[in-house]
Amino acid sequence: MREFFLRSPRLGYSIWTHADLPLAFELWGDPEVMRLTGGPFTTQQVHERLEREIHGHEEHGVQYWPLFLLETGEHVGCCGLRLHKPAEGIYELGFQLRVAFWGRGFAREAAEAVVAHAFTTLRIPALYAGHHPHNHASRGVLTRLGFRHTHDEFYPPTAQIEPCYLLLRGDFPGFSTL
């Protein structure tokens, strides 16, 4: 049984380890999951991504944490943080779900819990996020969480100009007094 450092109503948030390579490959090696984020990744690229996530946790206490259904223990995907602009204290929010969990509200639930954790526990002042211009579901999640479009930027992994967003701690719905 995995240990969870954070829980939402349906999800448990764990920490990637080297033993999670099969789960990482099921997520980041899936062409459908990765088609709008620069993938799918080869086995070597999945291994490198997992190493980056583990290193991010060791160095900065954050990563795109693996998500599991509390009810069944199934691996849902990942959602978490990484440094974006360290000098300004801005972290990037990101989430990726396995296809079987799309369209069921898990992305919003996962992201909302991570944003709340970022602002209340980690006391991060602002979060950045971006998405592929054709990923309407991600745009919906970000705007419902209160992220505001700030600019468009070239994203090399997808070779696309992608919309970028910012959420300040005081602008997160329900957390304006943090």
Foldseek 3Di string as FASTA:
>chain_A
DFDAPFDFPFKGWHAQDLVCLVVLCLFLVDCVQCVFPQDNDDSVVSSVLSVVQNVQCVVPVWGQTWMATPVPRHTFWTWIWGDDPVVQLEIETDTTTRPVPPPPCPVLRRRLRRLCCCCPVVVRFKYKYKTRPPCVVVVVSCVVQQWDFDAWDQDVSNRGTITMTMDGQLRGPPRVPD
